[in-house]
Amino acid sequence: MRYAIAPTRREVFFDPDDLIVSKTDLKGRISYANRTFCTISGYTEAEVIGQPHAMIRHPDMPRAVFKLLWDAILKGEEIFAYVKNMTKAGDHYWVFAHVTPSFDAQRRVCGFHSNRRVPKRAALAAIEPLYAELSGIEAAHSNAKEGLAASFSRLSAIVAAKGESYDRFVFSV
């Protein structure tokens, strides 16, 4: 399902005491969204349950960041990331996401759980240009797979140059 919502360039904010929570199945379809998720995104619970979490993906978000995220959680690892989401009205909001896999009784990954907090504005000053660079790399390729590979390679090189893991990199900005 594609969403034909045009970004407005208006940013919306949420309270630092609020926590946006959602759960998805292995395909990324939303199985739970808390009240804060619905309030900030502008969707009702009925509108989001069963829908792909990508329904709130902002077009400025580089696919390489989501590849990194999916690679980690499918291996059963947690990950932290800054994410720019889009509301039903086309406004955007930034989050600092902590995504963890959920496990069944046999310890197999069966879904994902994400808690999102208000991000540090100073960190966004470093993240926004990085994401713009990665998105530009992706857009420069006519083949989406090649664009993703090039963008992911650049992101990996940036993290490697810092001599840290991605999580440490995220916490260092």
N, C-alpha and C. Protein backbone atom coordinates (compact mmCIF):
# COMPACT_ATOMS: atom_id res chain seq x y z
N MET A 1 0.84 -1.18 0.00
CA MET A 1 0.00 0.00 0.00
C MET A 1 0.89 1.24 0.00
N ARG A 2 0.63 2.17 -0.88
CA ARG A 2 1.37 3.43 -0.95
C ARG A 2 0.49 4.54 -0.39
N TYR A 3 1.14 5.48 0.20
CA TYR A 3 0.42 6.60 0.81
C TYR A 3 0.77 7.86 0.04
N ALA A 4 -0.25 8.53 -0.45
CA ALA A 4 -0.06 9.72 -1.27
C ALA A 4 -0.18 10.98 -0.43
N ILE A 5 0.64 11.08 0.58
CA ILE A 5 0.63 12.25 1.44
C ILE A 5 1.84 13.08 1.10
N ALA A 6 1.62 14.35 0.84
CA ALA A 6 2.73 15.24 0.50
C ALA A 6 3.29 15.87 1.77
N PRO A 7 4.62 15.83 1.92
CA PRO A 7 5.23 16.48 3.10
C PRO A 7 4.95 17.98 3.10
N THR A 8 4.70 18.53 4.29
CA THR A 8 4.37 19.95 4.42
C THR A 8 5.56 20.81 4.81
N ARG A 9 6.61 20.20 5.32
CA ARG A 9 7.77 20.89 5.88
C ARG A 9 7.50 21.49 7.26
N ARG A 10 6.29 21.25 7.81
CA ARG A 10 5.98 21.68 9.18
C ARG A 10 6.39 20.58 10.14
N GLU A 11 7.08 20.97 11.20
CA GLU A 11 7.47 19.99 12.21
C GLU A 11 6.51 20.06 13.38
N VAL A 12 6.14 18.91 13.89
CA VAL A 12 5.34 18.84 15.10
C VAL A 12 6.21 18.23 16.20
N PHE A 13 5.89 18.56 17.42
CA PHE A 13 6.69 18.14 18.55
C PHE A 13 5.81 17.41 19.55
N PHE A 14 6.43 16.59 20.35
CA PHE A 14 5.69 15.94 21.43
C PHE A 14 6.47 16.15 22.72
N ASP A 15 5.79 15.95 23.82
CA ASP A 15 6.34 16.23 25.14
C ASP A 15 7.49 15.28 25.48
N PRO A 16 8.56 15.79 26.06
CA PRO A 16 9.68 14.93 26.46
C PRO A 16 9.30 13.80 27.42
N ASP A 17 8.19 13.95 28.11
CA ASP A 17 7.73 12.90 29.02
C ASP A 17 6.91 11.82 28.29
N ASP A 18 6.54 12.08 27.04
CA ASP A 18 5.75 11.12 26.28
C ASP A 18 6.65 10.06 25.65
N LEU A 19 6.08 8.91 25.46
CA LEU A 19 6.76 7.79 24.83
C LEU A 19 5.85 7.24 23.74
N ILE A 20 6.34 7.20 22.53
CA ILE A 20 5.58 6.63 21.42
C ILE A 20 5.93 5.14 21.37
N VAL A 21 4.91 4.30 21.39
CA VAL A 21 5.13 2.86 21.41
C VAL A 21 4.32 2.20 20.30
N SER A 22 4.96 1.26 19.62
CA SER A 22 4.25 0.43 18.66
C SER A 22 4.88 -0.95 18.63
N LYS A 23 4.08 -1.90 18.17
CA LYS A 23 4.54 -3.27 17.98
C LYS A 23 4.14 -3.68 16.57
N THR A 24 4.99 -4.52 15.96
CA THR A 24 4.68 -5.01 14.62
C THR A 24 4.94 -6.51 14.56
N ASP A 25 4.40 -7.13 13.50
CA ASP A 25 4.72 -8.52 13.23
C ASP A 25 6.00 -8.57 12.40
N LEU A 26 6.38 -9.74 11.96
CA LEU A 26 7.63 -9.90 11.20
C LEU A 26 7.63 -9.15 9.87
N LYS A 27 6.47 -8.86 9.34
CA LYS A 27 6.37 -8.13 8.07
C LYS A 27 6.32 -6.62 8.28
N GLY A 28 6.35 -6.18 9.54
CA GLY A 28 6.31 -4.76 9.84
C GLY A 28 4.90 -4.18 9.91
N ARG A 29 3.89 -5.05 9.97
CA ARG A 29 2.51 -4.58 10.10
C ARG A 29 2.22 -4.28 11.57
N ILE A 30 1.61 -3.15 11.81
CA ILE A 30 1.36 -2.67 13.17
C ILE A 30 0.31 -3.55 13.86
N SER A 31 0.67 -4.06 15.04
CA SER A 31 -0.26 -4.85 15.85
C SER A 31 -0.68 -4.09 17.11
N TYR A 32 0.08 -3.05 17.45
CA TYR A 32 -0.25 -2.23 18.62
C TYR A 32 0.33 -0.84 18.40
N ALA A 33 -0.44 0.16 18.78
CA ALA A 33 0.03 1.55 18.77
C ALA A 33 -0.60 2.24 19.98
N ASN A 34 0.26 2.88 20.78
CA ASN A 34 -0.30 3.54 21.97
C ASN A 34 -0.97 4.87 21.59
N ARG A 35 -1.59 5.47 22.55
CA ARG A 35 -2.33 6.72 22.34
C ARG A 35 -1.41 7.82 21.82
N THR A 36 -0.19 7.89 22.35
CA THR A 36 0.76 8.92 21.90
C THR A 36 1.10 8.73 20.44
N PHE A 37 1.32 7.50 20.01
CA PHE A 37 1.56 7.21 18.59
C PHE A 37 0.43 7.79 17.75
N CYS A 38 -0.80 7.47 18.13
CA CYS A 38 -1.96 7.93 17.35
C CYS A 38 -2.10 9.46 17.38
N THR A 39 -1.90 10.05 18.54
CA THR A 39 -2.03 11.50 18.67
C THR A 39 -1.00 12.22 17.80
N ILE A 40 0.26 11.82 17.87
CA ILE A 40 1.32 12.49 17.12
C ILE A 40 1.18 12.23 15.63
N SER A 41 0.89 11.00 15.24
CA SER A 41 0.81 10.67 13.81
C SER A 41 -0.47 11.18 13.16
N GLY A 42 -1.50 11.41 13.95
CA GLY A 42 -2.76 11.90 13.40
C GLY A 42 -3.68 10.79 12.91
N TYR A 43 -3.29 9.55 13.11
CA TYR A 43 -4.11 8.41 12.72
C TYR A 43 -4.85 7.86 13.93
N THR A 44 -5.99 7.26 13.68
CA THR A 44 -6.69 6.55 14.75
C THR A 44 -6.08 5.15 14.88
N GLU A 45 -6.36 4.52 16.00
CA GLU A 45 -5.88 3.15 16.19
C GLU A 45 -6.42 2.24 15.08
N ALA A 46 -7.68 2.40 14.72
CA ALA A 46 -8.28 1.58 13.67
C ALA A 46 -7.58 1.78 12.32
N GLU A 47 -7.08 2.98 12.08
CA GLU A 47 -6.40 3.25 10.81
C GLU A 47 -5.01 2.63 10.73
N VAL A 48 -4.37 2.41 11.88
CA VAL A 48 -2.99 1.90 11.85
C VAL A 48 -2.87 0.40 12.06
N ILE A 49 -3.77 -0.20 12.84
CA ILE A 49 -3.65 -1.64 13.12
C ILE A 49 -3.76 -2.43 11.81
N GLY A 50 -2.77 -3.29 11.60
CA GLY A 50 -2.72 -4.11 10.39
C GLY A 50 -2.02 -3.46 9.22
N GLN A 51 -1.70 -2.18 9.36
CA GLN A 51 -1.02 -1.46 8.27
C GLN A 51 0.49 -1.54 8.43
N PRO A 52 1.23 -1.41 7.34
CA PRO A 52 2.69 -1.41 7.44
C PRO A 52 3.18 -0.18 8.20
N HIS A 53 4.16 -0.38 9.06
CA HIS A 53 4.71 0.73 9.84
C HIS A 53 5.24 1.81 8.91
N ALA A 54 5.58 1.44 7.70
CA ALA A 54 6.08 2.41 6.71
C ALA A 54 5.04 3.48 6.37
N MET A 55 3.82 3.32 6.84
CA MET A 55 2.81 4.34 6.56
C MET A 55 3.20 5.69 7.15
N ILE A 56 4.08 5.70 8.15
CA ILE A 56 4.52 6.97 8.74
C ILE A 56 5.94 7.34 8.29
N ARG A 57 6.48 6.60 7.35
CA ARG A 57 7.85 6.86 6.88
C ARG A 57 7.87 8.17 6.09
N HIS A 58 8.76 9.04 6.49
CA HIS A 58 8.94 10.31 5.77
C HIS A 58 9.84 10.06 4.57
N PRO A 59 9.55 10.66 3.42
CA PRO A 59 10.38 10.43 2.23
C PRO A 59 11.82 10.91 2.37
N ASP A 60 12.12 11.75 3.36
CA ASP A 60 13.49 12.19 3.59
C ASP A 60 14.36 11.12 4.26
N MET A 61 13.73 10.07 4.78
CA MET A 61 14.49 9.02 5.49
C MET A 61 15.22 8.14 4.48
N PRO A 62 16.53 8.03 4.64
CA PRO A 62 17.28 7.15 3.74
C PRO A 62 16.96 5.69 4.00
N ARG A 63 16.81 4.94 2.92
CA ARG A 63 16.51 3.52 3.04
C ARG A 63 17.64 2.77 3.74
N ALA A 64 18.87 3.28 3.64
CA ALA A 64 20.01 2.62 4.27
C ALA A 64 19.84 2.49 5.78
N VAL A 65 19.22 3.48 6.41
CA VAL A 65 19.00 3.44 7.86
C VAL A 65 18.02 2.31 8.19
N PHE A 66 16.99 2.15 7.37
CA PHE A 66 16.04 1.07 7.61
C PHE A 66 16.65 -0.30 7.33
N LYS A 67 17.55 -0.38 6.36
CA LYS A 67 18.26 -1.64 6.12
C LYS A 67 19.06 -2.01 7.36
N LEU A 68 19.76 -1.05 7.89
CA LEU A 68 20.56 -1.29 9.10
C LEU A 68 19.65 -1.76 10.24
N LEU A 69 18.52 -1.10 10.40
CA LEU A 69 17.57 -1.44 11.44
C LEU A 69 17.05 -2.86 11.25
N TRP A 70 16.57 -3.18 10.05
CA TRP A 70 16.01 -4.51 9.80
C TRP A 70 17.07 -5.60 9.94
N ASP A 71 18.28 -5.33 9.46
CA ASP A 71 19.36 -6.32 9.61
C ASP A 71 19.59 -6.66 11.07
N ALA A 72 19.60 -5.65 11.92
CA ALA A 72 19.85 -5.87 13.35
C ALA A 72 18.71 -6.64 14.01
N ILE A 73 17.49 -6.19 13.83
CA ILE A 73 16.39 -6.81 14.57
C ILE A 73 16.08 -8.22 14.06
N LEU A 74 16.30 -8.48 12.78
CA LEU A 74 16.09 -9.84 12.28
C LEU A 74 17.13 -10.81 12.82
N LYS A 75 18.28 -10.28 13.25
CA LYS A 75 19.30 -11.12 13.89
C LYS A 75 19.02 -11.25 15.39
N GLY A 76 17.96 -10.63 15.88
CA GLY A 76 17.63 -10.72 17.29
C GLY A 76 18.31 -9.67 18.14
N GLU A 77 18.83 -8.62 17.51
CA GLU A 77 19.54 -7.56 18.24
C GLU A 77 18.68 -6.31 18.33
N GLU A 78 18.91 -5.52 19.37
CA GLU A 78 18.24 -4.23 19.50
C GLU A 78 19.03 -3.20 18.71
N ILE A 79 18.38 -2.08 18.42
CA ILE A 79 19.06 -1.00 17.71
C ILE A 79 18.43 0.33 18.11
N PHE A 80 19.25 1.36 18.08
CA PHE A 80 18.80 2.73 18.33
C PHE A 80 19.00 3.51 17.04
N ALA A 81 18.07 4.41 16.73
CA ALA A 81 18.21 5.21 15.52
C ALA A 81 17.37 6.48 15.63
N TYR A 82 17.84 7.51 14.96
CA TYR A 82 17.04 8.72 14.79
C TYR A 82 16.20 8.52 13.54
N VAL A 83 14.92 8.82 13.66
CA VAL A 83 13.99 8.60 12.55
C VAL A 83 13.10 9.82 12.38
N LYS A 84 12.93 10.20 11.12
CA LYS A 84 12.00 11.27 10.77
C LYS A 84 10.73 10.60 10.25
N ASN A 85 9.62 10.82 10.95
CA ASN A 85 8.34 10.25 10.57
C ASN A 85 7.43 11.33 10.00
N MET A 86 6.36 10.87 9.33
CA MET A 86 5.41 11.81 8.74
C MET A 86 4.00 11.53 9.27
N THR A 87 3.30 12.59 9.59
CA THR A 87 1.94 12.48 10.09
C THR A 87 0.96 12.30 8.94
N LYS A 88 -0.26 12.00 9.29
CA LYS A 88 -1.33 11.85 8.30
C LYS A 88 -1.53 13.13 7.50
N ALA A 89 -1.23 14.28 8.13
CA ALA A 89 -1.39 15.58 7.47
C ALA A 89 -0.17 15.98 6.63
N GLY A 90 0.91 15.18 6.70
CA GLY A 90 2.12 15.51 5.95
C GLY A 90 3.17 16.25 6.76
N ASP A 91 2.85 16.59 8.00
CA ASP A 91 3.85 17.21 8.88
C ASP A 91 4.86 16.14 9.27
N HIS A 92 5.97 16.56 9.86
CA HIS A 92 6.96 15.57 10.28
C HIS A 92 7.29 15.73 11.75
N TYR A 93 7.84 14.65 12.30
CA TYR A 93 8.32 14.67 13.67
C TYR A 93 9.51 13.72 13.78
N TRP A 94 10.50 14.15 14.53
CA TRP A 94 11.70 13.36 14.76
C TRP A 94 11.56 12.56 16.04
N VAL A 95 12.13 11.36 16.03
CA VAL A 95 12.14 10.52 17.21
C VAL A 95 13.52 9.89 17.39
N PHE A 96 13.81 9.53 18.61
CA PHE A 96 14.96 8.68 18.91
C PHE A 96 14.35 7.32 19.25
N ALA A 97 14.54 6.37 18.34
CA ALA A 97 13.87 5.07 18.44
C ALA A 97 14.77 4.01 19.05
N HIS A 98 14.18 3.19 19.87
CA HIS A 98 14.83 1.99 20.40
C HIS A 98 13.95 0.84 19.94
N VAL A 99 14.48 0.03 19.01
CA VAL A 99 13.71 -1.06 18.43
C VAL A 99 14.30 -2.38 18.91
N THR A 100 13.43 -3.23 19.41
CA THR A 100 13.86 -4.54 19.91
C THR A 100 13.01 -5.63 19.28
N PRO A 101 13.62 -6.79 19.07
CA PRO A 101 12.83 -7.91 18.59
C PRO A 101 11.98 -8.49 19.72
N SER A 102 10.84 -9.06 19.37
CA SER A 102 10.02 -9.83 20.30
C SER A 102 10.25 -11.30 19.96
N PHE A 103 10.23 -12.14 20.98
CA PHE A 103 10.52 -13.56 20.78
C PHE A 103 9.33 -14.43 21.20
N ASP A 104 9.17 -15.56 20.50
CA ASP A 104 8.14 -16.51 20.91
C ASP A 104 8.73 -17.47 21.95
N ALA A 105 7.97 -18.48 22.34
CA ALA A 105 8.39 -19.41 23.39
C ALA A 105 9.65 -20.19 23.01
N GLN A 106 9.90 -20.35 21.72
CA GLN A 106 11.09 -21.06 21.25
C GLN A 106 12.27 -20.11 20.99
N ARG A 107 12.13 -18.86 21.43
CA ARG A 107 13.17 -17.83 21.28
C ARG A 107 13.41 -17.45 19.82
N ARG A 108 12.39 -17.60 18.99
CA ARG A 108 12.48 -17.14 17.60
C ARG A 108 11.88 -15.73 17.54
N VAL A 109 12.48 -14.90 16.69
CA VAL A 109 11.94 -13.54 16.51
C VAL A 109 10.54 -13.67 15.90
N CYS A 110 9.57 -13.04 16.55
CA CYS A 110 8.18 -13.13 16.06
C CYS A 110 7.57 -11.76 15.80
N GLY A 111 8.32 -10.71 16.08
CA GLY A 111 7.82 -9.37 15.86
C GLY A 111 8.79 -8.36 16.43
N PHE A 112 8.35 -7.12 16.50
CA PHE A 112 9.23 -6.04 16.94
C PHE A 112 8.48 -5.06 17.81
N HIS A 113 9.22 -4.44 18.69
CA HIS A 113 8.66 -3.48 19.64
C HIS A 113 9.52 -2.22 19.55
N SER A 114 8.89 -1.08 19.42
CA SER A 114 9.64 0.16 19.29
C SER A 114 9.13 1.20 20.27
N ASN A 115 10.07 1.76 21.02
CA ASN A 115 9.80 2.89 21.91
C ASN A 115 10.51 4.10 21.32
N ARG A 116 9.80 5.21 21.20
CA ARG A 116 10.42 6.42 20.65
C ARG A 116 10.25 7.57 21.60
N ARG A 117 11.37 8.28 21.74
CA ARG A 117 11.42 9.44 22.63
C ARG A 117 11.74 10.69 21.82
N VAL A 118 11.60 11.82 22.49
CA VAL A 118 12.00 13.10 21.89
C VAL A 118 13.52 13.04 21.68
N PRO A 119 13.99 13.37 20.48
CA PRO A 119 15.43 13.35 20.23
C PRO A 119 16.11 14.62 20.74
N LYS A 120 17.42 14.51 20.91
CA LYS A 120 18.20 15.69 21.26
C LYS A 120 18.35 16.55 20.01
N ARG A 121 18.03 17.82 20.13
CA ARG A 121 18.11 18.72 18.96
C ARG A 121 19.54 18.83 18.46
N ALA A 122 20.52 18.80 19.35
CA ALA A 122 21.92 18.88 18.93
C ALA A 122 22.29 17.68 18.08
N ALA A 123 21.76 16.51 18.41
CA ALA A 123 22.04 15.31 17.62
C ALA A 123 21.43 15.43 16.24
N LEU A 124 20.24 15.99 16.16
CA LEU A 124 19.60 16.16 14.85
C LEU A 124 20.40 17.08 13.94
N ALA A 125 21.12 18.02 14.53
CA ALA A 125 21.97 18.92 13.73
C ALA A 125 23.04 18.12 12.99
N ALA A 126 23.46 17.01 13.55
CA ALA A 126 24.45 16.14 12.89
C ALA A 126 23.76 15.09 12.01
N ILE A 127 22.62 14.62 12.42
CA ILE A 127 21.91 13.54 11.71
C ILE A 127 21.28 14.05 10.41
N GLU A 128 20.67 15.22 10.44
CA GLU A 128 19.97 15.71 9.25
C GLU A 128 20.89 15.82 8.03
N PRO A 129 22.09 16.40 8.13
CA PRO A 129 22.96 16.45 6.95
C PRO A 129 23.41 15.05 6.50
N LEU A 130 23.63 14.15 7.45
CA LEU A 130 24.01 12.79 7.11
C LEU A 130 22.88 12.11 6.33
N TYR A 131 21.67 12.23 6.82
CA TYR A 131 20.53 11.62 6.14
C TYR A 131 20.31 12.24 4.77
N ALA A 132 20.52 13.54 4.67
CA ALA A 132 20.39 14.19 3.35
C ALA A 132 21.43 13.64 2.38
N GLU A 133 22.65 13.44 2.87
CA GLU A 133 23.70 12.86 2.02
C GLU A 133 23.32 11.45 1.57
N LEU A 134 22.87 10.63 2.51
CA LEU A 134 22.50 9.26 2.17
C LEU A 134 21.31 9.22 1.20
N SER A 135 20.33 10.07 1.42
CA SER A 135 19.17 10.13 0.52
C SER A 135 19.60 10.58 -0.87
N GLY A 136 20.55 11.53 -0.92
CA GLY A 136 21.08 11.99 -2.21
C GLY A 136 21.78 10.88 -2.96
N ILE A 137 22.53 10.07 -2.24
CA ILE A 137 23.21 8.93 -2.87
C ILE A 137 22.17 7.97 -3.43
N GLU A 138 21.14 7.70 -2.66
CA GLU A 138 20.09 6.79 -3.12
C GLU A 138 19.38 7.34 -4.36
N ALA A 139 19.10 8.64 -4.36
CA ALA A 139 18.39 9.26 -5.48
C ALA A 139 19.25 9.35 -6.74
N ALA A 140 20.56 9.36 -6.58
CA ALA A 140 21.46 9.49 -7.73
C ALA A 140 21.53 8.22 -8.58
N HIS A 141 20.97 7.14 -8.09
CA HIS A 141 20.99 5.88 -8.82
C HIS A 141 19.61 5.61 -9.42
N SER A 142 19.58 5.24 -10.68
CA SER A 142 18.30 4.93 -11.31
C SER A 142 17.78 3.58 -10.83
N ASN A 143 18.67 2.73 -10.37
CA ASN A 143 18.30 1.43 -9.85
C ASN A 143 18.25 1.53 -8.32
N ALA A 144 17.08 1.27 -7.74
CA ALA A 144 16.89 1.43 -6.29
C ALA A 144 17.82 0.52 -5.48
N LYS A 145 18.05 -0.69 -5.96
CA LYS A 145 18.94 -1.61 -5.24
C LYS A 145 20.36 -1.08 -5.21
N GLU A 146 20.81 -0.55 -6.33
CA GLU A 146 22.16 0.02 -6.39
C GLU A 146 22.26 1.25 -5.50
N GLY A 147 21.22 2.07 -5.49
CA GLY A 147 21.20 3.26 -4.64
C GLY A 147 21.27 2.89 -3.17
N LEU A 148 20.49 1.88 -2.78
CA LEU A 148 20.51 1.41 -1.40
C LEU A 148 21.89 0.86 -1.05
N ALA A 149 22.46 0.08 -1.94
CA ALA A 149 23.79 -0.50 -1.67
C ALA A 149 24.84 0.60 -1.51
N ALA A 150 24.79 1.60 -2.36
CA ALA A 150 25.77 2.70 -2.28
C ALA A 150 25.57 3.52 -1.01
N SER A 151 24.34 3.79 -0.66
CA SER A 151 24.03 4.55 0.54
C SER A 151 24.44 3.77 1.79
N PHE A 152 24.13 2.49 1.81
CA PHE A 152 24.48 1.65 2.96
C PHE A 152 26.00 1.55 3.09
N SER A 153 26.69 1.47 1.98
CA SER A 153 28.15 1.43 1.99
C SER A 153 28.71 2.71 2.59
N ARG A 154 28.15 3.85 2.20
CA ARG A 154 28.60 5.14 2.73
C ARG A 154 28.34 5.22 4.23
N LEU A 155 27.15 4.82 4.67
CA LEU A 155 26.83 4.84 6.09
C LEU A 155 27.79 3.93 6.86
N SER A 156 28.04 2.75 6.35
CA SER A 156 28.97 1.82 7.00
C SER A 156 30.37 2.40 7.09
N ALA A 157 30.80 3.10 6.03
CA ALA A 157 32.13 3.71 6.02
C ALA A 157 32.23 4.82 7.05
N ILE A 158 31.19 5.61 7.19
CA ILE A 158 31.18 6.70 8.18
C ILE A 158 31.29 6.13 9.58
N VAL A 159 30.51 5.10 9.87
CA VAL A 159 30.53 4.48 11.19
C VAL A 159 31.90 3.83 11.44
N ALA A 160 32.42 3.13 10.44
CA ALA A 160 33.72 2.46 10.58
C ALA A 160 34.84 3.47 10.82
N ALA A 161 34.75 4.62 10.16
CA ALA A 161 35.78 5.64 10.34
C ALA A 161 35.81 6.18 11.77
N LYS A 162 34.68 6.10 12.45
CA LYS A 162 34.61 6.53 13.84
C LYS A 162 35.15 5.46 14.78
N GLY A 163 35.35 4.23 14.25
CA GLY A 163 35.87 3.14 15.06
C GLY A 163 34.91 2.67 16.12
N GLU A 164 33.60 2.77 15.83
CA GLU A 164 32.61 2.38 16.81
C GLU A 164 31.49 1.59 16.14
N SER A 165 30.64 1.01 16.95
CA SER A 165 29.45 0.36 16.44
C SER A 165 28.44 1.43 16.04
N TYR A 166 27.41 1.03 15.31
CA TYR A 166 26.38 2.00 14.92
C TYR A 166 25.72 2.60 16.17
N ASP A 167 25.39 1.75 17.16
CA ASP A 167 24.75 2.27 18.37
C ASP A 167 25.63 3.30 19.06
N ARG A 168 26.92 3.03 19.18
CA ARG A 168 27.82 3.99 19.81
C ARG A 168 27.89 5.27 18.99
N PHE A 169 27.88 5.12 17.68
CA PHE A 169 27.88 6.28 16.79
C PHE A 169 26.65 7.15 17.06
N VAL A 170 25.47 6.49 17.13
CA VAL A 170 24.22 7.21 17.36
C VAL A 170 24.25 7.95 18.70
N PHE A 171 24.79 7.31 19.72
CA PHE A 171 24.85 7.95 21.03
C PHE A 171 25.91 9.03 21.10
N SER A 172 26.85 9.02 20.16
CA SER A 172 27.94 10.00 20.20
C SER A 172 27.59 11.31 19.49
N VAL A 173 26.56 11.31 18.66
CA VAL A 173 26.21 12.55 17.95
C VAL A 173 25.39 13.47 18.82
